[in-house]
Amino acid sequence: MDLLFVSIMMWIHLFTAIIFIGGSFFIWIVVWPASFELTDDEKFRTKIVGTLSKRFALFTNISVILLVISGIFLAYAEFGVNPGFINTFSGQVLSVKVVVVVIAIGIMYYNNLGHAKKIGILVREGKTEEVKRIRKTAHLLSYITLALLVLITILGAILESV
């Protein structure tokens, strides 16, 4: 493949990873804790975080699509259509990375589609105990997703270093 095209794909891959992973950490390290400093009102706090998260979801969805597309192009540029690539160290690292990516995306969308809407509805209904229960599960899944995203970046760094 053309070096310029591969370089552009790598830039797209890295840039969208920065937006996706950096934004995810920003939501959980900055926005969520700061929401408790802004208000004690659970409905208002949920509205703040929900509004910011919905806006970020657009960038997340675009980033996931671009990451997958650019990742496929980069894998093809590196290995071509060679089933024997799995027998190489790089091929094995890439295979693990692909599996972790699929798991992370699955958990993320399951969590966002399944829990976020429920939390908003339950907050409006004033069912705070049920909200706390669901939030514990949602937060655990979010932290697992963040850990998987870190693992994906580590695997990507390993791929680039071999």
N, C-alpha and C. Protein backbone atom coordinates (compact mmCIF):
# COMPACT_ATOMS: atom_id res chain seq x y z
N MET A 1 0.84 -1.19 0.00
CA MET A 1 0.00 0.00 0.00
C MET A 1 0.88 1.24 0.00
N ASP A 2 0.34 2.30 -0.50
CA ASP A 2 1.04 3.57 -0.57
C ASP A 2 1.36 4.09 0.84
N LEU A 3 2.59 4.55 1.04
CA LEU A 3 3.03 5.03 2.35
C LEU A 3 2.18 6.21 2.83
N LEU A 4 1.82 7.11 1.94
CA LEU A 4 0.98 8.25 2.32
C LEU A 4 -0.38 7.79 2.83
N PHE A 5 -0.98 6.83 2.11
CA PHE A 5 -2.29 6.32 2.51
C PHE A 5 -2.20 5.63 3.88
N VAL A 6 -1.18 4.83 4.08
CA VAL A 6 -0.99 4.14 5.37
C VAL A 6 -0.76 5.17 6.48
N SER A 7 0.00 6.22 6.18
CA SER A 7 0.25 7.28 7.18
C SER A 7 -1.04 8.00 7.55
N ILE A 8 -1.87 8.27 6.55
CA ILE A 8 -3.16 8.91 6.82
C ILE A 8 -4.05 8.00 7.66
N MET A 9 -4.09 6.73 7.33
CA MET A 9 -4.88 5.76 8.11
C MET A 9 -4.37 5.68 9.56
N MET A 10 -3.04 5.70 9.72
CA MET A 10 -2.47 5.66 11.07
C MET A 10 -2.86 6.91 11.85
N TRP A 11 -2.80 8.07 11.19
CA TRP A 11 -3.18 9.31 11.86
C TRP A 11 -4.66 9.26 12.28
N ILE A 12 -5.51 8.82 11.37
CA ILE A 12 -6.95 8.70 11.68
C ILE A 12 -7.13 7.75 12.87
N HIS A 13 -6.42 6.64 12.84
CA HIS A 13 -6.54 5.65 13.92
C HIS A 13 -6.10 6.25 15.26
N LEU A 14 -4.96 6.92 15.27
CA LEU A 14 -4.46 7.51 16.52
C LEU A 14 -5.33 8.67 16.99
N PHE A 15 -5.73 9.53 16.07
CA PHE A 15 -6.53 10.70 16.44
C PHE A 15 -7.88 10.30 17.02
N THR A 16 -8.54 9.35 16.36
CA THR A 16 -9.85 8.93 16.88
C THR A 16 -9.70 8.15 18.18
N ALA A 17 -8.59 7.43 18.35
CA ALA A 17 -8.34 6.75 19.63
C ALA A 17 -8.17 7.77 20.75
N ILE A 18 -7.47 8.85 20.46
CA ILE A 18 -7.28 9.92 21.46
C ILE A 18 -8.63 10.51 21.87
N ILE A 19 -9.47 10.81 20.89
CA ILE A 19 -10.78 11.38 21.18
C ILE A 19 -11.62 10.39 21.98
N PHE A 20 -11.68 9.15 21.53
CA PHE A 20 -12.52 8.14 22.15
C PHE A 20 -12.03 7.80 23.56
N ILE A 21 -10.78 7.45 23.70
CA ILE A 21 -10.26 7.03 25.01
C ILE A 21 -10.11 8.23 25.93
N GLY A 22 -9.56 9.33 25.41
CA GLY A 22 -9.40 10.53 26.24
C GLY A 22 -10.74 11.06 26.73
N GLY A 23 -11.71 11.08 25.82
CA GLY A 23 -13.04 11.56 26.20
C GLY A 23 -13.70 10.66 27.23
N SER A 24 -13.51 9.36 27.08
CA SER A 24 -14.09 8.42 28.05
C SER A 24 -13.51 8.64 29.44
N PHE A 25 -12.19 8.80 29.50
CA PHE A 25 -11.56 9.06 30.80
C PHE A 25 -12.00 10.42 31.35
N PHE A 26 -12.14 11.43 30.47
CA PHE A 26 -12.58 12.75 30.90
C PHE A 26 -13.96 12.68 31.56
N ILE A 27 -14.86 11.93 30.95
CA ILE A 27 -16.21 11.79 31.52
C ILE A 27 -16.13 11.20 32.93
N TRP A 28 -15.33 10.12 33.11
CA TRP A 28 -15.31 9.42 34.39
C TRP A 28 -14.37 10.03 35.43
N ILE A 29 -13.35 10.76 34.99
CA ILE A 29 -12.41 11.35 35.95
C ILE A 29 -12.76 12.79 36.29
N VAL A 30 -13.36 13.50 35.33
CA VAL A 30 -13.64 14.93 35.53
C VAL A 30 -15.13 15.21 35.66
N VAL A 31 -15.91 14.83 34.65
CA VAL A 31 -17.32 15.23 34.60
C VAL A 31 -18.13 14.60 35.74
N TRP A 32 -18.04 13.29 35.89
CA TRP A 32 -18.84 12.61 36.92
C TRP A 32 -18.52 13.14 38.32
N PRO A 33 -17.25 13.19 38.76
CA PRO A 33 -16.98 13.72 40.11
C PRO A 33 -17.37 15.20 40.25
N ALA A 34 -17.16 15.99 39.21
CA ALA A 34 -17.51 17.41 39.28
C ALA A 34 -19.01 17.62 39.41
N SER A 35 -19.80 16.69 38.88
CA SER A 35 -21.25 16.84 38.96
C SER A 35 -21.72 16.85 40.42
N PHE A 36 -21.01 16.16 41.29
CA PHE A 36 -21.36 16.15 42.71
C PHE A 36 -21.02 17.48 43.38
N GLU A 37 -20.04 18.20 42.83
CA GLU A 37 -19.70 19.52 43.36
C GLU A 37 -20.66 20.59 42.86
N LEU A 38 -21.29 20.33 41.72
CA LEU A 38 -22.20 21.32 41.14
C LEU A 38 -23.56 21.34 41.82
N THR A 39 -24.04 20.16 42.23
CA THR A 39 -25.40 20.10 42.78
C THR A 39 -25.59 18.83 43.61
N ASP A 40 -26.51 18.93 44.57
CA ASP A 40 -26.92 17.76 45.33
C ASP A 40 -28.20 17.15 44.75
N ASP A 41 -28.80 17.86 43.81
CA ASP A 41 -30.04 17.42 43.19
C ASP A 41 -29.75 16.29 42.19
N GLU A 42 -30.20 15.09 42.52
CA GLU A 42 -29.93 13.91 41.69
C GLU A 42 -30.46 14.07 40.27
N LYS A 43 -31.65 14.67 40.12
CA LYS A 43 -32.22 14.86 38.78
C LYS A 43 -31.35 15.80 37.95
N PHE A 44 -30.92 16.89 38.57
CA PHE A 44 -30.11 17.87 37.85
C PHE A 44 -28.74 17.28 37.50
N ARG A 45 -28.14 16.56 38.44
CA ARG A 45 -26.83 15.93 38.20
C ARG A 45 -26.93 14.92 37.04
N THR A 46 -27.99 14.13 37.04
CA THR A 46 -28.21 13.16 35.97
C THR A 46 -28.40 13.88 34.64
N LYS A 47 -29.10 15.01 34.67
CA LYS A 47 -29.31 15.78 33.45
C LYS A 47 -27.99 16.34 32.93
N ILE A 48 -27.15 16.85 33.81
CA ILE A 48 -25.85 17.39 33.40
C ILE A 48 -25.00 16.30 32.75
N VAL A 49 -24.81 15.22 33.47
CA VAL A 49 -23.96 14.13 32.96
C VAL A 49 -24.59 13.50 31.72
N GLY A 50 -25.90 13.33 31.73
CA GLY A 50 -26.59 12.75 30.58
C GLY A 50 -26.46 13.61 29.34
N THR A 51 -26.60 14.92 29.50
CA THR A 51 -26.48 15.84 28.37
C THR A 51 -25.08 15.80 27.78
N LEU A 52 -24.08 15.87 28.65
CA LEU A 52 -22.69 15.83 28.18
C LEU A 52 -22.38 14.47 27.54
N SER A 53 -22.88 13.41 28.15
CA SER A 53 -22.62 12.07 27.62
C SER A 53 -23.28 11.85 26.27
N LYS A 54 -24.50 12.38 26.11
CA LYS A 54 -25.18 12.26 24.81
C LYS A 54 -24.40 12.98 23.72
N ARG A 55 -23.91 14.16 24.06
CA ARG A 55 -23.11 14.91 23.07
C ARG A 55 -21.83 14.14 22.73
N PHE A 56 -21.19 13.58 23.75
CA PHE A 56 -19.96 12.82 23.52
C PHE A 56 -20.25 11.53 22.76
N ALA A 57 -21.45 10.98 22.91
CA ALA A 57 -21.81 9.72 22.24
C ALA A 57 -21.70 9.86 20.72
N LEU A 58 -22.03 11.01 20.17
CA LEU A 58 -21.88 11.23 18.74
C LEU A 58 -20.42 11.02 18.34
N PHE A 59 -19.50 11.63 19.09
CA PHE A 59 -18.08 11.50 18.80
C PHE A 59 -17.59 10.07 19.05
N THR A 60 -18.16 9.44 20.07
CA THR A 60 -17.80 8.05 20.35
C THR A 60 -18.19 7.15 19.19
N ASN A 61 -19.41 7.30 18.70
CA ASN A 61 -19.88 6.46 17.59
C ASN A 61 -19.04 6.67 16.33
N ILE A 62 -18.76 7.92 16.02
CA ILE A 62 -17.92 8.22 14.85
C ILE A 62 -16.52 7.65 15.06
N SER A 63 -15.98 7.81 16.27
CA SER A 63 -14.64 7.30 16.57
C SER A 63 -14.57 5.79 16.44
N VAL A 64 -15.56 5.10 16.97
CA VAL A 64 -15.57 3.63 16.89
C VAL A 64 -15.58 3.19 15.43
N ILE A 65 -16.42 3.82 14.63
CA ILE A 65 -16.48 3.47 13.20
C ILE A 65 -15.13 3.72 12.52
N LEU A 66 -14.56 4.90 12.75
CA LEU A 66 -13.28 5.23 12.12
C LEU A 66 -12.15 4.35 12.64
N LEU A 67 -12.18 4.01 13.93
CA LEU A 67 -11.15 3.12 14.48
C LEU A 67 -11.21 1.74 13.84
N VAL A 68 -12.40 1.21 13.69
CA VAL A 68 -12.54 -0.12 13.10
C VAL A 68 -12.10 -0.09 11.63
N ILE A 69 -12.56 0.90 10.88
CA ILE A 69 -12.20 0.98 9.45
C ILE A 69 -10.69 1.18 9.29
N SER A 70 -10.13 2.14 10.01
CA SER A 70 -8.69 2.39 9.86
C SER A 70 -7.89 1.21 10.38
N GLY A 71 -8.37 0.55 11.44
CA GLY A 71 -7.68 -0.64 11.95
C GLY A 71 -7.65 -1.77 10.94
N ILE A 72 -8.74 -1.95 10.22
CA ILE A 72 -8.79 -2.98 9.18
C ILE A 72 -7.79 -2.66 8.07
N PHE A 73 -7.76 -1.39 7.64
CA PHE A 73 -6.80 -0.99 6.61
C PHE A 73 -5.36 -1.18 7.09
N LEU A 74 -5.09 -0.80 8.33
CA LEU A 74 -3.72 -0.93 8.85
C LEU A 74 -3.32 -2.40 8.97
N ALA A 75 -4.24 -3.24 9.41
CA ALA A 75 -3.94 -4.68 9.50
C ALA A 75 -3.67 -5.25 8.11
N TYR A 76 -4.47 -4.83 7.14
CA TYR A 76 -4.26 -5.29 5.76
C TYR A 76 -2.92 -4.80 5.23
N ALA A 77 -2.57 -3.54 5.53
CA ALA A 77 -1.29 -2.99 5.08
C ALA A 77 -0.12 -3.76 5.68
N GLU A 78 -0.28 -4.22 6.90
CA GLU A 78 0.80 -4.94 7.59
C GLU A 78 0.87 -6.40 7.16
N PHE A 79 -0.28 -7.07 7.08
CA PHE A 79 -0.28 -8.52 6.87
C PHE A 79 -0.84 -8.97 5.53
N GLY A 80 -1.57 -8.10 4.82
CA GLY A 80 -2.21 -8.50 3.59
C GLY A 80 -3.27 -9.56 3.87
N VAL A 81 -3.53 -10.40 2.91
CA VAL A 81 -4.49 -11.48 3.09
C VAL A 81 -3.67 -12.77 3.24
N ASN A 82 -3.11 -12.93 4.43
CA ASN A 82 -2.22 -14.05 4.68
C ASN A 82 -2.65 -14.75 5.97
N PRO A 83 -3.35 -15.88 5.85
CA PRO A 83 -3.80 -16.58 7.06
C PRO A 83 -2.65 -17.02 7.97
N GLY A 84 -1.44 -17.10 7.41
CA GLY A 84 -0.29 -17.50 8.21
C GLY A 84 0.17 -16.44 9.19
N PHE A 85 -0.39 -15.21 9.07
CA PHE A 85 0.03 -14.14 9.98
C PHE A 85 -0.23 -14.51 11.44
N ILE A 86 -1.20 -15.36 11.69
CA ILE A 86 -1.55 -15.75 13.05
C ILE A 86 -0.40 -16.50 13.73
N ASN A 87 0.51 -17.04 12.94
CA ASN A 87 1.64 -17.79 13.49
C ASN A 87 2.80 -16.88 13.88
N THR A 88 2.65 -15.58 13.64
CA THR A 88 3.70 -14.64 14.02
C THR A 88 3.32 -13.97 15.34
N PHE A 89 4.32 -13.44 16.02
CA PHE A 89 4.05 -12.73 17.28
C PHE A 89 3.12 -11.55 17.03
N SER A 90 3.41 -10.78 15.97
CA SER A 90 2.56 -9.62 15.64
C SER A 90 1.13 -10.05 15.33
N GLY A 91 0.99 -11.14 14.62
CA GLY A 91 -0.34 -11.66 14.30
C GLY A 91 -1.11 -12.08 15.53
N GLN A 92 -0.41 -12.67 16.48
CA GLN A 92 -1.06 -13.09 17.72
C GLN A 92 -1.47 -11.88 18.56
N VAL A 93 -0.59 -10.87 18.61
CA VAL A 93 -0.94 -9.65 19.34
C VAL A 93 -2.14 -8.97 18.69
N LEU A 94 -2.13 -8.89 17.36
CA LEU A 94 -3.25 -8.28 16.65
C LEU A 94 -4.54 -9.06 16.91
N SER A 95 -4.46 -10.38 16.92
CA SER A 95 -5.65 -11.20 17.17
C SER A 95 -6.21 -10.94 18.56
N VAL A 96 -5.34 -10.86 19.55
CA VAL A 96 -5.79 -10.54 20.91
C VAL A 96 -6.41 -9.15 20.94
N LYS A 97 -5.77 -8.20 20.26
CA LYS A 97 -6.29 -6.83 20.22
C LYS A 97 -7.70 -6.80 19.62
N VAL A 98 -7.90 -7.53 18.53
CA VAL A 98 -9.22 -7.56 17.88
C VAL A 98 -10.27 -8.13 18.84
N VAL A 99 -9.94 -9.20 19.54
CA VAL A 99 -10.88 -9.80 20.49
C VAL A 99 -11.20 -8.81 21.60
N VAL A 100 -10.19 -8.14 22.14
CA VAL A 100 -10.41 -7.16 23.22
C VAL A 100 -11.24 -5.99 22.71
N VAL A 101 -11.00 -5.55 21.48
CA VAL A 101 -11.79 -4.46 20.89
C VAL A 101 -13.26 -4.86 20.80
N VAL A 102 -13.54 -6.05 20.31
CA VAL A 102 -14.92 -6.52 20.19
C VAL A 102 -15.59 -6.58 21.56
N ILE A 103 -14.89 -7.09 22.55
CA ILE A 103 -15.44 -7.18 23.91
C ILE A 103 -15.70 -5.78 24.46
N ALA A 104 -14.74 -4.87 24.30
CA ALA A 104 -14.90 -3.50 24.83
C ALA A 104 -16.08 -2.80 24.17
N ILE A 105 -16.19 -2.92 22.86
CA ILE A 105 -17.31 -2.27 22.15
C ILE A 105 -18.64 -2.88 22.61
N GLY A 106 -18.67 -4.19 22.73
CA GLY A 106 -19.89 -4.86 23.18
C GLY A 106 -20.32 -4.41 24.57
N ILE A 107 -19.38 -4.37 25.50
CA ILE A 107 -19.71 -3.94 26.87
C ILE A 107 -20.15 -2.49 26.86
N MET A 108 -19.43 -1.65 26.11
CA MET A 108 -19.74 -0.22 26.09
C MET A 108 -21.16 0.04 25.59
N TYR A 109 -21.51 -0.57 24.46
CA TYR A 109 -22.85 -0.33 23.91
C TYR A 109 -23.94 -1.01 24.74
N TYR A 110 -23.66 -2.16 25.27
CA TYR A 110 -24.63 -2.80 26.17
C TYR A 110 -24.90 -1.89 27.36
N ASN A 111 -23.83 -1.37 27.93
CA ASN A 111 -23.96 -0.50 29.10
C ASN A 111 -24.68 0.79 28.76
N ASN A 112 -24.27 1.44 27.69
CA ASN A 112 -24.87 2.72 27.33
C ASN A 112 -26.33 2.59 26.91
N LEU A 113 -26.61 1.61 26.08
CA LEU A 113 -27.98 1.45 25.61
C LEU A 113 -28.89 0.86 26.68
N GLY A 114 -28.35 -0.01 27.49
CA GLY A 114 -29.17 -0.68 28.50
C GLY A 114 -29.37 0.11 29.77
N HIS A 115 -28.32 0.78 30.24
CA HIS A 115 -28.41 1.42 31.55
C HIS A 115 -28.69 2.92 31.51
N ALA A 116 -28.10 3.62 30.56
CA ALA A 116 -28.23 5.08 30.55
C ALA A 116 -29.68 5.54 30.45
N LYS A 117 -30.43 4.94 29.55
CA LYS A 117 -31.83 5.33 29.39
C LYS A 117 -32.65 4.97 30.63
N LYS A 118 -32.37 3.77 31.19
CA LYS A 118 -33.09 3.35 32.40
C LYS A 118 -32.84 4.32 33.54
N ILE A 119 -31.60 4.74 33.69
CA ILE A 119 -31.26 5.66 34.78
C ILE A 119 -32.02 6.97 34.63
N GLY A 120 -32.06 7.51 33.42
CA GLY A 120 -32.79 8.76 33.19
C GLY A 120 -34.26 8.64 33.54
N ILE A 121 -34.88 7.54 33.15
CA ILE A 121 -36.30 7.31 33.44
C ILE A 121 -36.52 7.17 34.94
N LEU A 122 -35.69 6.38 35.59
CA LEU A 122 -35.85 6.15 37.03
C LEU A 122 -35.61 7.41 37.84
N VAL A 123 -34.69 8.25 37.42
CA VAL A 123 -34.44 9.51 38.12
C VAL A 123 -35.68 10.40 38.01
N ARG A 124 -36.25 10.48 36.81
CA ARG A 124 -37.46 11.30 36.63
C ARG A 124 -38.62 10.78 37.48
N GLU A 125 -38.65 9.46 37.68
CA GLU A 125 -39.70 8.86 38.50
C GLU A 125 -39.39 8.93 39.99
N GLY A 126 -38.19 9.37 40.33
CA GLY A 126 -37.81 9.51 41.74
C GLY A 126 -37.43 8.20 42.41
N LYS A 127 -37.08 7.19 41.67
CA LYS A 127 -36.72 5.88 42.22
C LYS A 127 -35.21 5.82 42.47
N THR A 128 -34.77 6.56 43.49
CA THR A 128 -33.34 6.74 43.73
C THR A 128 -32.63 5.46 44.14
N GLU A 129 -33.27 4.58 44.87
CA GLU A 129 -32.61 3.34 45.28
C GLU A 129 -32.34 2.44 44.08
N GLU A 130 -33.30 2.39 43.17
CA GLU A 130 -33.11 1.59 41.96
C GLU A 130 -32.03 2.21 41.07
N VAL A 131 -31.97 3.54 41.05
CA VAL A 131 -30.94 4.25 40.29
C VAL A 131 -29.56 3.89 40.84
N LYS A 132 -29.42 3.90 42.16
CA LYS A 132 -28.13 3.57 42.78
C LYS A 132 -27.69 2.16 42.44
N ARG A 133 -28.63 1.24 42.43
CA ARG A 133 -28.32 -0.15 42.11
C ARG A 133 -27.84 -0.29 40.67
N ILE A 134 -28.57 0.34 39.74
CA ILE A 134 -28.20 0.25 38.34
C ILE A 134 -26.89 1.00 38.08
N ARG A 135 -26.70 2.14 38.75
CA ARG A 135 -25.45 2.90 38.57
C ARG A 135 -24.23 2.09 39.00
N LYS A 136 -24.36 1.30 40.05
CA LYS A 136 -23.22 0.48 40.48
C LYS A 136 -22.81 -0.47 39.36
N THR A 137 -23.78 -1.11 38.76
CA THR A 137 -23.49 -2.02 37.65
C THR A 137 -22.94 -1.26 36.46
N ALA A 138 -23.56 -0.12 36.13
CA ALA A 138 -23.12 0.69 34.99
C ALA A 138 -21.70 1.19 35.20
N HIS A 139 -21.39 1.62 36.40
CA HIS A 139 -20.04 2.11 36.68
C HIS A 139 -19.02 0.98 36.60
N LEU A 140 -19.36 -0.16 37.12
CA LEU A 140 -18.45 -1.31 37.04
C LEU A 140 -18.16 -1.64 35.57
N LEU A 141 -19.20 -1.69 34.75
CA LEU A 141 -19.02 -1.97 33.33
C LEU A 141 -18.20 -0.86 32.64
N SER A 142 -18.41 0.38 33.05
CA SER A 142 -17.63 1.49 32.48
C SER A 142 -16.16 1.36 32.85
N TYR A 143 -15.88 1.01 34.09
CA TYR A 143 -14.48 0.85 34.52
C TYR A 143 -13.83 -0.34 33.81
N ILE A 144 -14.59 -1.40 33.60
CA ILE A 144 -14.06 -2.54 32.84
C ILE A 144 -13.76 -2.10 31.41
N THR A 145 -14.65 -1.33 30.82
CA THR A 145 -14.43 -0.83 29.46
C THR A 145 -13.18 0.04 29.41
N LEU A 146 -13.01 0.94 30.39
CA LEU A 146 -11.81 1.78 30.43
C LEU A 146 -10.55 0.94 30.54
N ALA A 147 -10.59 -0.08 31.37
CA ALA A 147 -9.43 -0.97 31.51
C ALA A 147 -9.13 -1.66 30.19
N LEU A 148 -10.16 -2.10 29.50
CA LEU A 148 -9.97 -2.74 28.20
C LEU A 148 -9.41 -1.76 27.17
N LEU A 149 -9.84 -0.51 27.23
CA LEU A 149 -9.31 0.50 26.32
C LEU A 149 -7.81 0.73 26.57
N VAL A 150 -7.42 0.73 27.83
CA VAL A 150 -6.00 0.84 28.16
C VAL A 150 -5.24 -0.37 27.61
N LEU A 151 -5.80 -1.55 27.80
CA LEU A 151 -5.17 -2.77 27.27
C LEU A 151 -5.03 -2.69 25.75
N ILE A 152 -6.04 -2.17 25.07
CA ILE A 152 -5.99 -2.03 23.61
C ILE A 152 -4.83 -1.11 23.21
N THR A 153 -4.65 -0.01 23.93
CA THR A 153 -3.54 0.90 23.60
C THR A 153 -2.20 0.24 23.87
N ILE A 154 -2.11 -0.55 24.91
CA ILE A 154 -0.87 -1.28 25.19
C ILE A 154 -0.57 -2.27 24.07
N LEU A 155 -1.58 -3.00 23.64
CA LEU A 155 -1.41 -3.95 22.54
C LEU A 155 -1.02 -3.22 21.25
N GLY A 156 -1.61 -2.05 21.01
CA GLY A 156 -1.24 -1.25 19.84
C GLY A 156 0.21 -0.80 19.91
N ALA A 157 0.66 -0.40 21.09
CA ALA A 157 2.05 0.00 21.26
C ALA A 157 2.99 -1.19 21.01
N ILE A 158 2.59 -2.35 21.49
CA ILE A 158 3.40 -3.56 21.25
C ILE A 158 3.49 -3.83 19.75
N LEU A 159 2.36 -3.72 19.05
CA LEU A 159 2.36 -3.93 17.60
C LEU A 159 3.30 -2.98 16.87
N GLU A 160 3.32 -1.75 17.32
CA GLU A 160 4.17 -0.74 16.65
C GLU A 160 5.65 -0.93 16.99
N SER A 161 5.94 -1.62 18.08
CA SER A 161 7.33 -1.76 18.49
C SER A 161 8.00 -3.01 17.95
N VAL A 162 7.20 -3.94 17.39
CA VAL A 162 7.81 -5.18 16.85
C VAL A 162 7.90 -5.14 15.34
